[in-house]
Structure formats: structure tokens, C-alpha cells
Amino acid sequence: MNRLIIVFSIIIIFSSGVYSQENDSTNFMNVINSLLGRNQPKLGFMSQFAAEVKDNGNNTTSEFTIRNLRMYFTGSAGENFSYFFQGNLNGTFSLLDLKLMYTLDDHFRIDAGRLKTPYSVEYLRNDVHITFTSRSTVASTIGPFRQLGVQLNGSYLDKKIQFTAGAFNGDNAVKKNISLFVGRVLLTPIKKDENDHAMQFEIGGSTAYTKQEDDFTSLPFYGRNHLLLGGYTRFSFKDYWLEGEYLNSNSDNLKTREGFYVDLGKKFCSDWELIGRFDWFAKYPQWMYQISRKYIGGINYYPLKEIKIQFNYERDQTNKINAGYLNFQYAVNFE
């Protein structure tokens, strides 16, 4: 409760500076900003409210749920330093991201703090911008996810070449040490630009490595190491796009998990998207083999910049479950 009071106190303080109608250049917030050389934070808020219905052939369940309730603020200190704080307000308050950033030049930036590790393209997308109401099975299962660490970001040729490499504690390790190393690269050899090219092609990959068993508590560990590998590609032409990502986990050169998704989508009437997905995931324990197959269809509608309405129909072919999701999203200044 005390954390929530602190959070909302910060919002009120910064909002008073943002919305102040004082024209006097010596007002309190201007003086503080001048002394500290800082820009006022930009506040963001995102909420997702959903209705869900599931049927397994024998029983039907339905419920309303708050899928997400988040706030963030970001700002800068001088020309090179910036920060990004994000918290989850759904239930009890929890800190998701606390990222401090230093821009070295036009090509390089250093990030430090608690942040998303650079593994998997879909996982790195903000919840506001993911295609369906939930991420794919593989992106939700395989990965280091959020950790404490430092990473270097780079880009060249108008971001046709992007890469990130980082070293992290391994957030779940019993004995804390820098044991987890993660990197990714994304290439865009054909890019839509100001000349109104209708085509874009992206291809990339990511990897993560650790010798610490507790760095990936949800993945099997056979003795010496974890190695995660992944590949991604996306092709878009005018209002159509085809996108896919493959991820796997290995321990002592034995595959333990793997999966992929393939999306085919189309934008129409400027405010609508129609998307289909095939979601495949497999587990390879030493004593068992399990496969999951899902078919998902989705319609996204954007009546306003801040509002997204999503309807998803999901067929879990493995467990013979049909599910429908209707998600209402409201996001202000959310990145």
C-alpha cells in the first residue's frame, strides 16, 4: 500500500509541473528543471480488460479479467542520460523495469538496471503492441525474460543493422553472480522508407548462454550449461505481412524445448487488422515427449490512437479446447 501511495504521489507531483498554467519562468518546476538540467518525465498508463470463454467439450467456463494495469514514466537528464521506469499495478504493485540509458553517439547506447533481456523478437515487444491478446507459447516459455544487468545496443545504416549484447546476474540464481550472457541481431536488407517502398524484409537471431542451473528455473538442466537459440523473419508487402519466429533450449547439447509461430495478416480500412497464427511447441524431457498445437484467428480494431479492441478465437488442437477472448485496451503515452 505504501508503494502505491509513493507511486501516485510521484504522478501528482510531475503532473502538476506538466499541466501548470503558470507563464512565469521562475515557477517551481522550471527552477528545479533548470538546476538539475532534466526534462520532466513523460507519464504513460495502460489497462487491458478482457472477457474470456473456454470450452473443452464437457464444460464451459467464462470470466472477466484485468489482464494488465501498468504505468511508466520516462525522461532524460542532459543530452545523453535517460531513464525508463515501469510498474505493474494489477493486484499488488511490482516493479517491471528500471532502466537507465546512456547514449554514446548516433550508433551506440548502454542500458543498465532491471530490463528485458534481448532474446526473442515477440517477447521484446511491449504488451501494447503484441499482435494477439497473448504472446506465443514459445515466446512465453523459452527465454531469460527480465533480469538485472548491462547491455550494449548498436545500429547502423538507418537501423538496417541492429544488435544488442548483454551480461546479466541471472535473476533467479541462489548465489548472485554475472552468469548469463544474451545477444541478438536484426537485419533489414529491404526497408520501407520515405520513398514509399511497399516492401520490407527482416531477418535476425538471438542467443543466451549460462552455466548456472537456477538462471532458467522453468527449463530442464542436465549438468553443465544452458544454451538458447532463436531465429526470426518478417516479410511485408503493402498491407500484408508474413512473420515467424523459432526458439529452442538446450542443455549439455540435448534439446529440451522448442517451438515456433507463423503469422499471416492484413490491414484494411486503415483501422482494422485480420491475422491468423499457427502456434507449435514441444517438450523433450528424458522420459517423455509432448507436443502442443494451436490455431488462432484474430481481429484488431483501432477506433482511436489510444484504444485497441481485440477479438481472438483459439483452437487448442492438442487438448481439444476452444477459447474466445475479447480484449479492450486503453493506453496513453505508452511506448
Protein backbone atom coordinates (compact mmCIF):
# COMPACT_ATOMS: atom_id res chain seq x y z
CA MET A 1 0.00 0.00 0.00
CA ASN A 2 2.84 2.37 0.87
CA ARG A 3 4.37 1.73 -2.56
CA LEU A 4 1.14 2.70 -4.28
CA ILE A 5 0.97 5.91 -2.26
CA ILE A 6 4.53 6.76 -3.31
CA VAL A 7 3.80 6.00 -6.97
CA PHE A 8 0.69 8.16 -7.12
CA SER A 9 2.45 10.94 -5.22
CA ILE A 10 5.12 10.98 -7.91
CA ILE A 11 2.43 11.16 -10.62
CA ILE A 12 0.73 14.09 -8.91
CA ILE A 13 3.99 15.97 -8.44
CA PHE A 14 5.09 15.58 -12.05
CA SER A 15 1.62 16.20 -13.43
CA SER A 16 1.42 19.48 -11.59
CA GLY A 17 4.53 20.57 -13.47
CA VAL A 18 3.26 19.33 -16.82
CA TYR A 19 -0.16 20.93 -16.63
CA SER A 20 0.76 24.09 -14.79
CA GLN A 21 -0.66 27.21 -16.45
CA GLU A 22 1.95 29.49 -14.92
CA ASN A 23 3.83 31.52 -17.52
CA ASP A 24 6.33 32.82 -15.00
CA SER A 25 9.71 31.36 -15.95
CA THR A 26 10.68 31.25 -12.29
CA ASN A 27 7.93 28.83 -11.22
CA PHE A 28 8.99 25.97 -9.03
CA MET A 29 9.17 23.19 -11.64
CA ASN A 30 11.10 25.32 -14.12
CA VAL A 31 13.61 26.23 -11.43
CA ILE A 32 14.09 22.58 -10.49
CA ASN A 33 14.45 21.53 -14.12
CA SER A 34 16.91 24.33 -14.76
CA LEU A 35 19.02 23.48 -11.74
CA LEU A 36 19.08 19.75 -12.44
CA GLY A 37 19.23 20.03 -16.23
CA ARG A 38 16.43 17.49 -16.56
CA ASN A 39 13.36 17.22 -18.74
CA GLN A 40 10.11 16.46 -16.99
CA PRO A 41 9.14 12.78 -17.20
CA LYS A 42 6.53 11.64 -19.69
CA LEU A 43 3.90 9.59 -17.93
CA GLY A 44 2.23 6.59 -19.51
CA PHE A 45 -0.68 4.37 -18.50
CA MET A 46 -2.05 1.13 -19.95
CA SER A 47 -5.03 -1.02 -18.97
CA GLN A 48 -6.43 -4.19 -20.54
CA PHE A 49 -9.84 -5.58 -19.60
CA ALA A 50 -10.97 -8.85 -21.16
CA ALA A 51 -13.84 -11.31 -21.37
CA GLU A 52 -12.82 -14.96 -21.80
CA VAL A 53 -14.84 -18.06 -22.68
CA LYS A 54 -13.40 -21.61 -22.83
CA ASP A 55 -15.00 -24.92 -23.76
CA ASN A 56 -13.36 -28.38 -23.61
CA GLY A 57 -16.38 -30.33 -24.87
CA ASN A 58 -17.53 -31.24 -21.36
CA ASN A 59 -17.50 -27.94 -19.54
CA THR A 60 -17.72 -24.25 -20.43
CA THR A 61 -16.17 -21.52 -18.30
CA SER A 62 -16.33 -17.75 -18.64
CA GLU A 63 -14.88 -14.81 -16.77
CA PHE A 64 -13.98 -11.15 -16.84
CA THR A 65 -10.38 -10.30 -16.04
CA ILE A 66 -7.98 -7.38 -15.83
CA ARG A 67 -5.14 -8.64 -17.98
CA ASN A 68 -2.82 -5.68 -17.46
CA LEU A 69 -2.72 -2.46 -15.46
CA ARG A 70 0.57 -0.61 -15.84
CA MET A 71 2.16 2.79 -15.58
CA TYR A 72 5.54 4.11 -16.60
CA PHE A 73 7.49 7.31 -16.69
CA THR A 74 10.48 8.15 -18.80
CA GLY A 75 12.64 11.21 -19.20
CA SER A 76 16.16 12.49 -19.71
CA ALA A 77 18.93 14.21 -17.80
CA GLY A 78 21.06 16.30 -20.12
CA GLU A 79 21.75 15.20 -23.68
CA ASN A 80 22.98 11.67 -23.01
CA PHE A 81 21.25 10.23 -19.94
CA SER A 82 17.67 8.94 -19.94
CA TYR A 83 15.61 6.56 -17.85
CA PHE A 84 12.58 4.28 -18.07
CA PHE A 85 10.61 3.02 -15.05
CA GLN A 86 7.61 0.69 -15.44
CA GLY A 87 5.40 -0.79 -12.73
CA ASN A 88 2.57 -3.29 -12.61
CA LEU A 89 -0.49 -2.09 -10.65
CA ASN A 90 -2.62 -5.20 -11.21
CA GLY A 91 -3.14 -6.51 -7.67
CA THR A 92 -0.03 -5.71 -5.64
CA PHE A 93 2.49 -3.27 -7.07
CA SER A 94 5.59 -4.80 -8.67
CA LEU A 95 8.49 -3.18 -10.48
CA LEU A 96 8.87 -4.49 -14.03
CA ASP A 97 11.59 -2.26 -15.48
CA LEU A 98 14.09 0.16 -14.03
CA LYS A 99 16.32 1.04 -16.95
CA LEU A 100 19.00 3.73 -17.05
CA MET A 101 20.33 4.60 -20.51
CA TYR A 102 23.42 6.45 -21.71
CA THR A 103 23.71 7.37 -25.40
CA LEU A 104 27.33 7.24 -26.54
CA ASP A 105 26.73 8.58 -30.06
CA ASP A 106 24.37 8.13 -33.00
CA HIS A 107 25.12 4.41 -33.15
CA PHE A 108 25.59 3.11 -29.59
CA ARG A 109 23.67 3.17 -26.30
CA ILE A 110 24.31 1.47 -22.95
CA ASP A 111 21.39 0.24 -20.81
CA ALA A 112 21.69 -0.83 -17.17
CA GLY A 113 19.26 -1.94 -14.47
CA ARG A 114 16.35 -4.36 -14.48
CA LEU A 115 15.27 -4.83 -18.09
CA LYS A 116 14.10 -7.29 -20.71
CA THR A 117 16.97 -9.41 -21.95
CA PRO A 118 17.48 -9.22 -25.76
CA TYR A 119 16.11 -12.66 -26.62
CA SER A 120 13.11 -13.24 -28.94
CA VAL A 121 11.54 -10.50 -31.05
CA GLU A 122 7.98 -11.16 -29.87
CA TYR A 123 8.97 -11.14 -26.20
CA LEU A 124 10.68 -7.75 -26.57
CA ARG A 125 7.53 -6.15 -27.97
CA ASN A 126 5.59 -4.12 -25.47
CA ASP A 127 2.27 -5.65 -24.40
CA VAL A 128 0.53 -2.71 -26.07
CA HIS A 129 1.85 -3.77 -29.48
CA ILE A 130 1.66 -7.57 -29.50
CA THR A 131 -0.48 -8.99 -32.30
CA PHE A 132 -2.78 -11.19 -30.22
CA THR A 133 -4.11 -10.95 -26.67
CA SER A 134 -1.22 -13.17 -25.52
CA ARG A 135 2.25 -13.97 -26.79
CA SER A 136 3.02 -17.28 -28.46
CA THR A 137 3.65 -20.36 -26.34
CA VAL A 138 7.33 -20.46 -27.24
CA ALA A 139 8.00 -16.76 -26.53
CA SER A 140 6.23 -17.10 -23.17
CA THR A 141 8.17 -20.24 -22.18
CA ILE A 142 11.73 -20.06 -23.53
CA GLY A 143 13.92 -17.14 -22.54
CA PRO A 144 15.79 -15.32 -19.77
CA PHE A 145 12.99 -12.70 -19.63
CA ARG A 146 13.64 -9.75 -17.25
CA GLN A 147 16.98 -9.72 -15.45
CA LEU A 148 19.45 -7.39 -13.74
CA GLY A 149 22.38 -6.43 -15.94
CA VAL A 150 24.04 -4.23 -18.53
CA GLN A 151 23.67 -4.31 -22.31
CA LEU A 152 25.11 -2.50 -25.32
CA ASN A 153 22.78 -1.53 -28.19
CA GLY A 154 24.03 -0.63 -31.65
CA SER A 155 22.58 0.31 -35.02
CA TYR A 156 23.90 1.29 -38.45
CA LEU A 157 22.59 2.25 -41.89
CA ASP A 158 19.38 3.87 -40.65
CA LYS A 159 18.71 0.86 -38.39
CA LYS A 160 19.04 -1.65 -41.20
CA ILE A 161 21.55 -3.32 -38.87
CA GLN A 162 20.63 -3.56 -35.17
CA PHE A 163 22.32 -5.57 -32.44
CA THR A 164 22.33 -5.93 -28.66
CA ALA A 165 24.66 -7.83 -26.32
CA GLY A 166 24.43 -8.00 -22.54
CA ALA A 167 25.66 -9.61 -19.33
CA PHE A 168 23.21 -10.34 -16.51
CA ASN A 169 23.05 -11.72 -12.99
CA GLY A 170 20.56 -14.43 -13.68
CA ASP A 171 17.67 -13.08 -11.63
CA ASN A 172 16.70 -16.39 -10.03
CA ALA A 173 20.18 -17.56 -9.08
CA VAL A 174 20.58 -18.64 -5.44
CA LYS A 175 24.10 -17.22 -5.42
CA LYS A 176 24.16 -13.96 -7.34
CA ASN A 177 26.86 -13.60 -9.96
CA ILE A 178 27.22 -12.43 -13.55
CA SER A 179 26.47 -15.76 -15.18
CA LEU A 180 24.07 -15.05 -18.05
CA PHE A 181 25.07 -13.70 -21.48
CA VAL A 182 22.49 -12.75 -24.10
CA GLY A 183 22.69 -11.26 -27.60
CA ARG A 184 20.58 -10.61 -30.68
CA VAL A 185 20.94 -9.17 -34.17
CA LEU A 186 18.26 -7.92 -36.56
CA LEU A 187 18.89 -7.12 -40.23
CA THR A 188 16.52 -5.24 -42.54
CA PRO A 189 18.06 -5.53 -46.03
CA ILE A 190 14.85 -4.26 -47.66
CA LYS A 191 13.18 -1.44 -45.77
CA LYS A 192 10.14 0.74 -46.28
CA ASP A 193 11.33 4.32 -46.40
CA GLU A 194 10.34 7.86 -47.29
CA ASN A 195 10.36 6.91 -50.98
CA ASP A 196 7.26 4.85 -50.20
CA HIS A 197 8.70 1.43 -50.92
CA ALA A 198 5.87 -1.05 -50.36
CA MET A 199 8.09 -3.96 -49.33
CA GLN A 200 10.10 -4.74 -46.18
CA PHE A 201 12.12 -7.81 -45.24
CA GLU A 202 13.63 -8.53 -41.80
CA ILE A 203 15.72 -11.43 -40.57
CA GLY A 204 17.51 -11.97 -37.28
CA GLY A 205 18.55 -14.26 -34.49
CA SER A 206 19.19 -14.34 -30.75
CA THR A 207 21.07 -16.48 -28.25
CA ALA A 208 21.57 -16.85 -24.50
CA TYR A 209 24.13 -18.87 -22.53
CA THR A 210 24.71 -19.72 -18.88
CA LYS A 211 26.35 -22.40 -16.73
CA GLN A 212 24.10 -21.55 -13.78
CA GLU A 213 21.22 -24.01 -13.36
CA ASP A 214 18.97 -21.55 -11.50
CA ASP A 215 19.12 -18.91 -14.23
CA PHE A 216 16.33 -20.78 -16.09
CA THR A 217 14.23 -22.41 -13.38
CA SER A 218 11.48 -23.49 -15.80
CA LEU A 219 13.81 -25.33 -18.21
CA PRO A 220 15.48 -28.75 -17.70
CA PHE A 221 19.17 -28.67 -16.80
CA TYR A 222 21.35 -31.75 -17.32
CA GLY A 223 24.59 -30.74 -15.66
CA ARG A 224 26.87 -28.17 -17.29
CA ASN A 225 25.15 -25.48 -19.36
CA HIS A 226 22.11 -23.88 -20.90
CA LEU A 227 22.12 -22.63 -24.49
CA LEU A 228 19.14 -20.88 -26.06
CA LEU A 229 18.94 -20.22 -29.80
CA GLY A 230 16.38 -18.41 -31.91
CA GLY A 231 15.62 -17.16 -35.41
CA TYR A 232 13.14 -14.60 -36.72
CA THR A 233 11.91 -13.33 -40.07
CA ARG A 234 9.19 -11.00 -41.34
CA PHE A 235 8.13 -10.06 -44.85
CA SER A 236 5.59 -7.32 -45.52
CA PHE A 237 4.17 -6.00 -48.77
CA LYS A 238 1.72 -3.11 -48.72
CA ASP A 239 -1.00 -4.16 -46.25
CA TYR A 240 0.04 -7.82 -45.97
CA TRP A 241 2.65 -9.42 -43.74
CA LEU A 242 4.08 -12.87 -43.04
CA GLU A 243 6.05 -13.33 -39.82
CA GLY A 244 7.58 -16.21 -37.90
CA GLU A 245 9.94 -17.00 -35.05
CA TYR A 246 11.62 -20.21 -33.87
CA LEU A 247 13.21 -20.69 -30.41
CA ASN A 248 14.81 -23.65 -28.66
CA SER A 249 16.60 -24.51 -25.43
CA ASN A 250 19.47 -26.96 -25.00
CA SER A 251 21.30 -28.41 -22.01
CA ASP A 252 24.55 -30.32 -22.48
CA ASN A 253 23.82 -30.41 -26.23
CA LEU A 254 20.46 -32.08 -25.63
CA LYS A 255 17.36 -30.26 -26.87
CA THR A 256 14.87 -29.69 -24.03
CA ARG A 257 12.26 -27.33 -25.52
CA GLU A 258 11.48 -25.89 -28.94
CA GLY A 259 8.67 -24.10 -30.69
CA PHE A 260 7.65 -21.62 -33.34
CA TYR A 261 4.79 -19.47 -34.53
CA VAL A 262 3.81 -18.31 -38.01
CA ASP A 263 1.53 -15.29 -38.56
CA LEU A 264 -0.24 -14.15 -41.71
CA GLY A 265 -2.00 -10.81 -41.52
CA LYS A 266 -3.62 -7.99 -43.45
CA LYS A 267 -4.51 -4.40 -42.61
CA PHE A 268 -7.70 -3.00 -44.12
CA CYS A 269 -9.85 0.13 -43.86
CA SER A 270 -6.88 1.78 -42.06
CA ASP A 271 -8.29 0.83 -38.62
CA TRP A 272 -8.57 -2.97 -38.85
CA GLU A 273 -6.24 -5.97 -38.87
CA LEU A 274 -7.07 -9.60 -39.65
CA ILE A 275 -4.48 -12.18 -38.51
CA GLY A 276 -4.08 -15.93 -38.41
CA ARG A 277 -1.47 -17.85 -36.39
CA PHE A 278 -0.18 -21.41 -36.12
CA ASP A 279 1.46 -21.99 -32.72
CA TRP A 280 3.59 -25.12 -32.18
CA PHE A 281 5.54 -26.11 -29.07
CA ALA A 282 7.35 -29.28 -27.94
CA LYS A 283 8.89 -30.56 -24.70
CA TYR A 284 11.70 -33.11 -24.69
CA PRO A 285 12.24 -34.41 -21.14
CA GLN A 286 14.37 -37.52 -20.87
CA TRP A 287 11.31 -39.67 -20.10
CA MET A 288 8.53 -38.01 -22.13
CA TYR A 289 7.70 -36.22 -25.38
CA GLN A 290 4.88 -33.65 -25.55
CA ILE A 291 3.61 -31.50 -28.41
CA SER A 292 1.18 -28.59 -28.35
CA ARG A 293 -0.59 -27.25 -31.46
CA LYS A 294 -2.81 -24.18 -31.54
CA TYR A 295 -4.66 -22.35 -34.30
CA ILE A 296 -5.52 -18.73 -33.56
CA GLY A 297 -7.53 -16.19 -35.51
CA GLY A 298 -7.69 -12.54 -34.54
CA ILE A 299 -9.29 -9.22 -35.45
CA ASN A 300 -7.83 -5.96 -34.14
CA TYR A 301 -9.71 -2.66 -34.31
CA TYR A 302 -8.20 0.76 -33.55
CA PRO A 303 -11.08 3.29 -33.21
CA LEU A 304 -8.72 5.83 -31.62
CA LYS A 305 -4.97 6.13 -31.20
CA GLU A 306 -5.25 5.21 -27.52
CA ILE A 307 -7.74 2.36 -27.90
CA LYS A 308 -7.37 -1.15 -29.30
CA ILE A 309 -10.15 -3.76 -29.33
CA GLN A 310 -9.09 -7.37 -29.96
CA PHE A 311 -11.11 -10.49 -30.62
CA ASN A 312 -9.25 -13.83 -30.67
CA TYR A 313 -10.54 -17.32 -31.34
CA GLU A 314 -8.15 -20.08 -30.27
CA ARG A 315 -8.33 -23.79 -31.02
CA ASP A 316 -6.02 -25.91 -28.85
CA GLN A 317 -5.80 -28.95 -31.08
CA THR A 318 -3.82 -30.98 -28.56
CA ASN A 319 -6.19 -30.58 -25.60
CA LYS A 320 -9.35 -30.12 -27.74
CA ILE A 321 -10.18 -26.76 -26.14
CA ASN A 322 -11.91 -23.87 -27.88
CA ALA A 323 -11.49 -20.38 -26.44
CA GLY A 324 -12.65 -16.88 -27.27
CA TYR A 325 -11.11 -13.63 -25.97
CA LEU A 326 -12.43 -10.08 -26.24
CA ASN A 327 -9.85 -7.58 -25.01
CA PHE A 328 -10.31 -3.82 -24.52
CA GLN A 329 -7.06 -1.87 -24.29
CA TYR A 330 -6.59 1.77 -23.33
CA ALA A 331 -3.05 3.14 -23.49
CA VAL A 332 -1.88 6.74 -23.08
CA ASN A 333 1.69 7.73 -23.98
CA PHE A 334 2.68 4.07 -23.82
CA GLU A 335 5.86 3.03 -25.65
